[in-house]
């Protein structure tokens, strides 16, 4: 699980929503919500933003932390 998936799952649970409730309110499929919460590495950014918009957030660039080899 990554930070985004954990954020979505925590927000959903704090509002007492099921995955089905979240998918309906965000206008995305239930499978998409499940994939998002499981940390699937390739998801459509527009759909991720649809879900994040319910919580007053959106995707944006963050500095990456590089691991030295």
Protein backbone atom coordinates (compact mmCIF):
# COMPACT_ATOMS: atom_id res chain seq x y z
CA UNK A 1 0.00 0.00 0.00
CA UNK A 2 1.29 3.48 -0.83
CA UNK A 3 0.61 6.89 0.73
CA UNK A 4 -2.18 7.72 -1.75
CA UNK A 5 -4.02 4.46 -1.27
CA UNK A 6 -3.70 4.74 2.52
CA UNK A 7 -4.98 8.34 2.41
CA UNK A 8 -8.05 7.36 0.36
CA UNK A 9 -8.85 4.38 2.54
CA UNK A 10 -8.48 6.36 5.78
CA UNK A 11 -10.63 9.25 4.49
CA UNK A 12 -13.32 6.87 3.25
CA UNK A 13 -13.45 5.02 6.55
CA UNK A 14 -13.43 8.24 8.60
CA UNK A 15 -16.58 9.31 6.74
CA UNK A 16 -18.21 5.92 7.24
CA UNK A 17 -18.35 5.17 3.51
CA UNK A 18 -18.12 1.75 1.93
CA UNK A 19 -16.07 1.30 -1.22
CA UNK A 20 -19.36 1.09 -3.11
CA UNK A 21 -20.55 4.38 -1.58
CA UNK A 22 -17.29 6.07 -2.55
CA UNK A 23 -17.42 4.79 -6.11
CA UNK A 24 -20.99 6.07 -6.52
CA UNK A 25 -20.27 9.51 -5.03
CA UNK A 26 -17.09 9.94 -7.08
CA UNK A 27 -18.60 8.64 -10.32
CA UNK A 28 -16.03 5.89 -10.76
CA UNK A 29 -16.36 2.13 -10.81
CA UNK A 30 -16.15 -0.05 -7.73
CA UNK A 31 -13.22 -1.90 -9.29
CA UNK A 32 -11.36 1.41 -9.65
CA UNK A 33 -11.82 2.21 -5.96
CA UNK A 34 -10.59 -1.25 -5.01
CA UNK A 35 -7.54 -0.91 -7.27
CA UNK A 36 -6.83 2.56 -5.87
CA UNK A 37 -7.00 1.40 -2.27
CA UNK A 38 -4.81 -1.61 -3.04
CA UNK A 39 -2.11 0.66 -4.46
CA UNK A 40 -2.29 -0.37 -8.11
CA UNK A 41 0.67 1.42 -9.77
CA UNK A 42 -1.11 2.43 -12.99
CA UNK A 43 -4.37 4.32 -12.63
CA UNK A 44 -5.98 7.12 -14.62
CA UNK A 45 -5.10 10.45 -13.03
CA UNK A 46 -8.44 12.02 -13.96
CA UNK A 47 -10.29 9.31 -12.06
CA UNK A 48 -7.93 9.56 -9.08
CA UNK A 49 -8.71 13.30 -9.02
CA UNK A 50 -12.45 12.56 -9.11
CA UNK A 51 -12.06 10.56 -5.91
CA UNK A 52 -9.69 13.05 -4.28
CA UNK A 53 -12.07 15.93 -5.08
CA UNK A 54 -14.58 14.44 -2.64
CA UNK A 55 -12.04 15.03 0.11
CA UNK A 56 -10.98 18.50 -1.07
CA UNK A 57 -7.68 17.32 -2.58
CA UNK A 58 -6.08 16.80 -5.98
CA UNK A 59 -2.95 15.18 -7.37
CA UNK A 60 0.16 17.30 -7.61
CA UNK A 61 3.92 17.02 -8.01
CA UNK A 62 6.00 16.24 -4.98
CA UNK A 63 9.77 16.09 -4.71
CA UNK A 64 11.00 12.53 -4.85
CA UNK A 65 13.36 10.97 -2.40
CA UNK A 66 16.11 9.19 -4.27
CA UNK A 67 17.75 6.15 -2.83
CA UNK A 68 21.47 6.08 -3.41
CA UNK A 69 22.81 2.87 -4.88
